[in-house]
N, C-alpha and C. Protein backbone atom coordinates (compact mmCIF):
# COMPACT_ATOMS: atom_id res chain seq x y z
N MET A 1 115.99 77.59 -61.48
CA MET A 1 115.88 76.27 -60.58
C MET A 1 114.30 76.04 -60.28
N LYS A 2 113.85 74.86 -60.57
CA LYS A 2 112.56 74.66 -60.19
C LYS A 2 112.38 73.71 -58.96
N ILE A 3 111.58 74.22 -58.13
CA ILE A 3 111.66 73.63 -56.79
C ILE A 3 110.14 73.35 -56.20
N LEU A 4 110.20 72.00 -55.71
CA LEU A 4 108.87 71.61 -55.11
C LEU A 4 108.96 71.53 -53.49
N VAL A 5 108.23 71.97 -52.89
CA VAL A 5 107.98 71.89 -51.37
C VAL A 5 106.66 71.21 -50.91
N ALA A 6 107.12 70.00 -50.18
CA ALA A 6 105.67 69.37 -49.56
C ALA A 6 105.92 69.28 -48.08
N ASP A 7 104.74 69.87 -47.61
CA ASP A 7 104.64 69.85 -46.13
C ASP A 7 103.09 69.91 -45.62
N ASP A 8 102.81 69.08 -44.97
CA ASP A 8 101.12 69.21 -44.59
C ASP A 8 100.96 70.38 -43.49
N GLU A 9 101.96 71.02 -42.83
CA GLU A 9 101.73 71.94 -42.04
C GLU A 9 101.69 73.16 -42.94
N SER A 10 100.67 74.01 -42.68
CA SER A 10 100.80 75.08 -43.65
C SER A 10 101.86 76.33 -43.36
N VAL A 11 101.94 76.52 -42.03
CA VAL A 11 103.03 77.36 -41.50
C VAL A 11 104.37 77.12 -42.12
N SER A 12 104.84 75.94 -41.92
CA SER A 12 105.98 75.48 -42.58
C SER A 12 106.18 75.48 -44.00
N ARG A 13 105.07 74.94 -44.61
CA ARG A 13 105.06 74.96 -45.92
C ARG A 13 105.33 76.55 -46.58
N ARG A 14 104.52 77.44 -46.11
CA ARG A 14 104.50 78.91 -46.54
C ARG A 14 106.01 79.19 -46.32
N LYS A 15 106.46 78.78 -44.98
CA LYS A 15 108.02 79.39 -44.66
C LYS A 15 108.95 78.94 -45.70
N MET A 16 108.89 77.71 -46.05
CA MET A 16 109.93 76.98 -46.85
C MET A 16 109.77 77.71 -48.39
N ALA A 17 108.41 77.77 -48.61
CA ALA A 17 108.08 78.23 -49.99
C ALA A 17 108.75 79.68 -50.18
N ARG A 18 108.46 80.45 -49.29
CA ARG A 18 108.92 81.87 -49.27
C ARG A 18 110.48 81.90 -49.34
N ILE A 19 111.05 81.28 -48.51
CA ILE A 19 112.53 81.09 -48.63
C ILE A 19 113.19 80.62 -49.96
N MET A 20 112.36 79.51 -50.36
CA MET A 20 112.93 78.93 -51.74
C MET A 20 112.56 79.70 -52.95
N GLN A 21 111.45 80.69 -52.73
CA GLN A 21 111.32 81.65 -53.88
C GLN A 21 112.38 82.56 -54.22
N GLU A 22 113.44 82.69 -53.29
CA GLU A 22 114.55 83.36 -53.59
C GLU A 22 115.71 82.62 -54.54
N PHE A 23 115.50 81.41 -54.56
CA PHE A 23 116.28 80.57 -55.32
C PHE A 23 115.93 80.16 -56.53
N GLY A 24 114.60 80.33 -56.93
CA GLY A 24 113.97 79.92 -58.03
C GLY A 24 112.49 79.77 -58.09
N GLU A 25 111.86 78.98 -59.14
CA GLU A 25 110.50 78.93 -59.33
C GLU A 25 109.90 78.04 -58.25
N CYS A 26 109.17 78.11 -57.15
CA CYS A 26 108.92 77.36 -56.32
C CYS A 26 107.13 76.90 -56.46
N MET A 27 106.89 75.67 -56.26
CA MET A 27 105.57 75.14 -55.98
C MET A 27 105.48 74.56 -54.87
N ALA A 28 104.36 74.68 -53.91
CA ALA A 28 104.26 74.16 -52.69
C ALA A 28 102.81 73.23 -52.73
N VAL A 29 103.21 72.07 -52.17
CA VAL A 29 101.79 71.24 -51.94
C VAL A 29 101.70 70.79 -50.59
N ALA A 30 100.77 70.18 -50.18
CA ALA A 30 100.19 69.82 -48.79
C ALA A 30 100.35 68.48 -48.37
N SER A 31 100.84 67.62 -49.32
CA SER A 31 100.82 66.20 -49.12
C SER A 31 101.86 65.34 -49.97
N GLY A 32 102.14 64.09 -49.30
CA GLY A 32 103.04 63.28 -50.30
C GLY A 32 102.23 63.01 -51.47
N THR A 33 101.09 62.62 -51.46
CA THR A 33 100.34 62.23 -52.65
C THR A 33 100.43 63.37 -53.81
N ASP A 34 100.38 64.61 -53.25
CA ASP A 34 100.39 65.87 -54.24
C ASP A 34 101.77 65.94 -54.77
N ALA A 35 102.88 65.78 -53.88
CA ALA A 35 104.12 65.82 -54.29
C ALA A 35 104.43 64.73 -55.53
N ILE A 36 103.95 63.61 -55.10
CA ILE A 36 104.21 62.80 -56.31
C ILE A 36 103.50 62.89 -57.57
N ALA A 37 102.22 63.48 -57.73
CA ALA A 37 101.58 63.83 -58.63
C ALA A 37 102.25 65.03 -59.35
N ALA A 38 102.58 66.01 -58.51
CA ALA A 38 103.45 67.22 -59.01
C ALA A 38 104.64 66.75 -59.96
N PHE A 39 105.34 65.65 -59.28
CA PHE A 39 106.61 65.31 -59.94
C PHE A 39 106.37 64.66 -61.23
N LYS A 40 105.20 63.70 -61.26
CA LYS A 40 104.85 63.11 -62.53
C LYS A 40 104.50 64.10 -63.40
N ASP A 41 103.60 65.00 -63.06
CA ASP A 41 103.44 66.12 -64.07
C ASP A 41 104.55 66.85 -64.42
N ALA A 42 105.41 67.35 -63.81
CA ALA A 42 106.57 68.03 -64.14
C ALA A 42 107.36 67.25 -65.33
N TRP A 43 107.61 65.89 -65.02
CA TRP A 43 108.11 64.91 -65.98
C TRP A 43 107.51 64.84 -67.14
N ALA A 44 106.06 64.80 -67.13
CA ALA A 44 105.22 64.79 -68.32
C ALA A 44 105.49 65.92 -69.17
N HIS A 45 105.64 67.02 -68.49
CA HIS A 45 105.76 68.41 -69.34
C HIS A 45 107.21 68.64 -69.82
N TRP A 46 108.22 67.79 -69.50
CA TRP A 46 109.56 67.80 -69.60
C TRP A 46 110.20 69.05 -68.95
N SER A 47 109.49 69.21 -67.81
CA SER A 47 110.03 70.43 -66.95
C SER A 47 110.35 69.98 -65.33
N PRO A 48 111.07 69.01 -65.21
CA PRO A 48 111.38 68.42 -63.80
C PRO A 48 111.81 69.30 -62.84
N PHE A 49 111.66 68.96 -61.61
CA PHE A 49 112.00 69.79 -60.52
C PHE A 49 113.67 69.48 -60.16
N SER A 50 114.33 70.51 -60.07
CA SER A 50 115.86 70.35 -59.54
C SER A 50 115.92 70.02 -58.17
N LEU A 51 114.90 70.54 -57.20
CA LEU A 51 115.11 70.44 -55.96
C LEU A 51 113.76 70.17 -55.20
N ILE A 52 113.74 69.45 -54.21
CA ILE A 52 112.42 68.95 -53.58
C ILE A 52 112.81 68.79 -52.28
N THR A 53 111.69 69.54 -51.22
CA THR A 53 111.80 69.29 -49.89
C THR A 53 110.69 68.65 -49.40
N LEU A 54 111.05 67.52 -48.55
CA LEU A 54 109.63 66.80 -48.26
C LEU A 54 109.59 66.64 -46.76
N ASP A 55 108.50 67.16 -46.06
CA ASP A 55 108.17 66.67 -44.90
C ASP A 55 108.29 65.18 -44.34
N VAL A 56 108.90 64.82 -43.52
CA VAL A 56 109.11 63.50 -43.20
C VAL A 56 107.72 62.91 -42.78
N SER A 57 106.94 63.53 -41.88
CA SER A 57 105.73 63.31 -41.35
C SER A 57 104.56 64.00 -42.02
N MET A 58 103.95 63.18 -43.00
CA MET A 58 102.57 63.72 -43.46
C MET A 58 101.46 62.71 -43.46
N PRO A 59 100.17 62.93 -43.27
CA PRO A 59 99.53 62.00 -43.06
C PRO A 59 98.92 60.89 -44.23
N ASP A 60 98.98 61.30 -45.33
CA ASP A 60 98.51 60.18 -46.23
C ASP A 60 99.81 59.48 -46.85
N VAL A 61 100.66 59.99 -47.60
CA VAL A 61 101.81 59.27 -47.87
C VAL A 61 103.05 60.07 -47.27
N ASP A 62 103.55 59.44 -46.27
CA ASP A 62 104.95 60.36 -45.71
C ASP A 62 105.89 60.87 -46.59
N GLY A 63 106.93 61.43 -46.19
CA GLY A 63 107.99 61.95 -47.03
C GLY A 63 108.84 61.06 -47.54
N THR A 64 109.00 59.88 -46.65
CA THR A 64 109.89 58.80 -47.09
C THR A 64 109.40 58.01 -48.21
N GLU A 65 108.03 57.76 -47.87
CA GLU A 65 107.33 56.89 -49.02
C GLU A 65 107.19 57.78 -50.21
N ALA A 66 106.84 59.14 -50.17
CA ALA A 66 106.94 59.95 -51.51
C ALA A 66 108.42 59.81 -52.16
N LEU A 67 109.65 59.98 -51.13
CA LEU A 67 110.91 60.12 -51.92
C LEU A 67 111.17 58.60 -52.56
N PHE A 68 110.67 57.51 -52.05
CA PHE A 68 111.02 56.23 -52.36
C PHE A 68 110.30 56.07 -53.92
N GLU A 69 109.11 56.58 -53.97
CA GLU A 69 108.36 56.58 -55.32
C GLU A 69 108.92 57.54 -56.15
N ILE A 70 109.45 58.76 -55.73
CA ILE A 70 110.01 59.64 -56.76
C ILE A 70 111.44 59.06 -57.22
N ARG A 71 112.33 58.49 -56.45
CA ARG A 71 113.38 57.73 -56.85
C ARG A 71 113.13 56.62 -57.80
N GLN A 72 112.01 55.88 -57.41
CA GLN A 72 111.81 54.80 -58.25
C GLN A 72 111.23 55.30 -59.82
N MET A 73 110.53 56.35 -59.82
CA MET A 73 110.13 57.04 -61.00
C MET A 73 111.43 57.24 -61.86
N GLU A 74 112.26 58.04 -61.23
CA GLU A 74 113.52 58.31 -61.90
C GLU A 74 114.16 57.23 -62.40
N VAL A 75 114.40 55.96 -61.62
CA VAL A 75 115.02 54.87 -62.27
C VAL A 75 114.20 54.16 -63.36
N ASP A 76 112.83 53.99 -63.18
CA ASP A 76 112.02 53.67 -64.34
C ASP A 76 112.09 54.40 -65.56
N ASN A 77 112.38 55.73 -65.31
CA ASN A 77 112.53 56.67 -66.66
C ASN A 77 114.16 56.68 -66.98
N GLN A 78 114.84 55.79 -66.42
CA GLN A 78 116.67 55.87 -66.85
C GLN A 78 116.98 57.38 -66.70
N VAL A 79 116.64 58.06 -65.55
CA VAL A 79 117.24 59.46 -65.41
C VAL A 79 118.58 59.19 -64.75
N PRO A 80 119.70 59.71 -65.50
CA PRO A 80 121.04 59.33 -64.73
C PRO A 80 121.12 59.95 -63.29
N PRO A 81 121.78 59.44 -62.52
CA PRO A 81 121.96 59.92 -61.09
C PRO A 81 122.43 61.56 -60.97
N ALA A 82 123.16 61.90 -62.09
CA ALA A 82 123.54 63.23 -61.93
C ALA A 82 122.41 64.27 -62.32
N ASN A 83 121.34 63.54 -63.04
CA ASN A 83 120.31 64.62 -63.36
C ASN A 83 118.93 64.47 -62.55
N ARG A 84 119.03 63.62 -61.55
CA ARG A 84 118.00 63.28 -60.76
C ARG A 84 117.61 64.76 -59.62
N ALA A 85 116.50 64.68 -59.18
CA ALA A 85 116.23 65.85 -58.26
C ALA A 85 117.03 65.71 -57.03
N LYS A 86 117.45 66.73 -56.39
CA LYS A 86 118.04 66.78 -55.11
C LYS A 86 116.89 66.99 -54.10
N VAL A 87 116.96 66.14 -53.09
CA VAL A 87 115.90 66.11 -52.22
C VAL A 87 116.29 66.16 -50.75
N ILE A 88 115.81 67.21 -50.12
CA ILE A 88 116.06 67.44 -48.71
C ILE A 88 114.70 66.85 -47.97
N MET A 89 115.09 66.28 -46.90
CA MET A 89 113.87 65.84 -46.06
C MET A 89 113.87 67.01 -44.94
N VAL A 90 112.76 67.30 -44.38
CA VAL A 90 112.60 68.33 -43.49
C VAL A 90 111.58 67.74 -42.33
N THR A 91 112.25 67.70 -41.17
CA THR A 91 111.38 67.29 -39.99
C THR A 91 111.71 67.84 -38.67
N ALA A 92 110.73 67.55 -37.69
CA ALA A 92 111.20 68.18 -36.35
C ALA A 92 111.68 66.93 -35.50
N ARG A 93 111.63 65.80 -36.21
CA ARG A 93 112.32 64.53 -35.48
C ARG A 93 113.96 64.36 -35.89
N SER A 94 114.63 64.25 -34.95
CA SER A 94 116.09 64.05 -35.32
C SER A 94 116.72 62.60 -34.75
N ASP A 95 115.86 61.59 -34.61
CA ASP A 95 116.12 60.34 -34.10
C ASP A 95 117.02 59.66 -35.24
N ILE A 96 117.74 58.78 -34.84
CA ILE A 96 118.78 58.19 -35.96
C ILE A 96 117.92 57.35 -36.69
N ASN A 97 116.89 56.65 -36.36
CA ASN A 97 116.15 55.79 -37.41
C ASN A 97 115.30 56.74 -38.42
N THR A 98 114.87 57.82 -38.11
CA THR A 98 114.17 58.83 -39.11
C THR A 98 115.51 59.22 -40.11
N VAL A 99 116.50 59.42 -39.72
CA VAL A 99 117.60 59.88 -40.48
C VAL A 99 118.08 58.91 -41.52
N VAL A 100 118.36 57.72 -40.75
CA VAL A 100 118.83 56.67 -41.76
C VAL A 100 117.75 56.22 -42.56
N THR A 101 116.57 56.01 -42.28
CA THR A 101 115.59 55.75 -43.11
C THR A 101 115.35 56.73 -44.45
N SER A 102 115.57 57.86 -44.13
CA SER A 102 115.46 58.98 -45.32
C SER A 102 116.73 58.99 -46.18
N ILE A 103 117.94 58.55 -45.66
CA ILE A 103 119.21 58.46 -46.38
C ILE A 103 118.92 57.14 -47.29
N GLN A 104 118.46 56.06 -46.63
CA GLN A 104 118.09 54.84 -47.34
C GLN A 104 117.03 54.89 -48.65
N ALA A 105 116.36 55.78 -48.31
CA ALA A 105 115.15 56.04 -49.41
C ALA A 105 115.69 56.76 -50.43
N GLY A 106 116.82 57.57 -50.46
CA GLY A 106 117.54 58.34 -51.29
C GLY A 106 117.65 59.85 -50.96
N CYS A 107 117.63 60.44 -49.99
CA CYS A 107 117.43 61.76 -49.91
C CYS A 107 118.94 62.22 -49.91
N ASP A 108 119.02 63.56 -50.21
CA ASP A 108 120.37 64.32 -50.40
C ASP A 108 121.00 64.89 -49.06
N ASP A 109 119.94 65.13 -48.32
CA ASP A 109 120.19 66.00 -47.15
C ASP A 109 119.16 66.16 -46.19
N TYR A 110 119.31 66.73 -45.15
CA TYR A 110 118.21 66.42 -43.88
C TYR A 110 118.37 67.89 -43.44
N ILE A 111 117.02 68.54 -43.16
CA ILE A 111 117.10 69.57 -42.35
C ILE A 111 115.96 69.48 -40.94
N ILE A 112 116.39 69.85 -39.95
CA ILE A 112 115.54 69.79 -38.64
C ILE A 112 114.96 71.15 -38.43
N LYS A 113 113.64 70.81 -38.17
CA LYS A 113 112.79 72.20 -38.05
C LYS A 113 113.34 72.67 -36.45
N PRO A 114 113.17 73.88 -36.36
CA PRO A 114 112.81 75.07 -37.14
C PRO A 114 114.17 75.31 -37.86
N PHE A 115 113.80 76.08 -39.04
CA PHE A 115 114.73 76.30 -40.05
C PHE A 115 114.67 77.82 -40.45
N ASP A 116 115.63 78.37 -41.01
CA ASP A 116 115.86 79.62 -41.33
C ASP A 116 116.28 79.87 -42.69
N ALA A 117 116.50 80.85 -43.22
CA ALA A 117 116.81 81.14 -44.73
C ALA A 117 118.44 80.98 -44.78
N GLU A 118 119.09 81.28 -43.57
CA GLU A 118 120.60 80.98 -43.43
C GLU A 118 120.95 79.40 -43.71
N MET A 119 119.98 78.54 -43.03
CA MET A 119 120.25 77.26 -42.90
C MET A 119 119.99 76.82 -44.39
N ILE A 120 119.04 77.07 -44.72
CA ILE A 120 118.55 76.58 -46.17
C ILE A 120 119.71 77.08 -47.15
N SER A 121 120.15 78.25 -47.44
CA SER A 121 121.09 78.68 -48.16
C SER A 121 122.50 77.86 -48.10
N LYS A 122 122.54 77.28 -46.78
CA LYS A 122 124.21 76.55 -46.60
C LYS A 122 123.90 75.11 -47.18
N LYS A 123 122.36 74.46 -47.02
CA LYS A 123 122.11 73.17 -47.60
C LYS A 123 122.40 73.25 -49.07
N LEU A 124 121.76 74.32 -49.56
CA LEU A 124 121.93 74.55 -51.23
C LEU A 124 123.38 74.86 -51.67
N MET A 125 124.26 75.45 -51.08
CA MET A 125 125.37 75.58 -51.51
C MET A 125 126.04 74.00 -51.18
N LYS A 126 125.91 73.38 -50.13
CA LYS A 126 126.46 72.08 -50.06
C LYS A 126 126.14 71.31 -51.28
N LEU A 127 124.79 71.22 -51.64
CA LEU A 127 124.31 70.61 -52.87
C LEU A 127 124.76 71.09 -54.08
N CYS A 128 125.47 72.16 -54.15
CA CYS A 128 125.95 72.76 -55.38
C CYS A 128 124.66 73.29 -56.22
N LEU A 129 123.48 73.76 -55.45
CA LEU A 129 122.47 74.46 -56.25
C LEU A 129 122.42 76.00 -56.33
N VAL A 130 123.40 76.40 -55.57
CA VAL A 130 123.40 78.00 -55.68
C VAL A 130 125.02 78.37 -55.79
């Protein structure tokens, strides 16, 4: 499984990448802009990501905006829903507006920080990725 982790906070990014390396090939980036670029590049090389984790709050392009662009690229490229990347939003915020906005943008699940390997594993099982 090919995995993309996007988080502007280095500790969270490294922690998530370390956990995800147990499940597949993992690339970590520090911004929403970098996540969108990595997604485009992966598709250009016919090697798309199976799973993407996006921090909701990032300074340049936030996770929700990045998710919207990623989903739009999948639609524009006629990627069938079953073949689209699974996207998990990651945030310290658990308010209903953040959750609803993420779901409306097209996320598959949601993780509240702090997270651990067991929590991640359960989410991946729920999404049938392990």
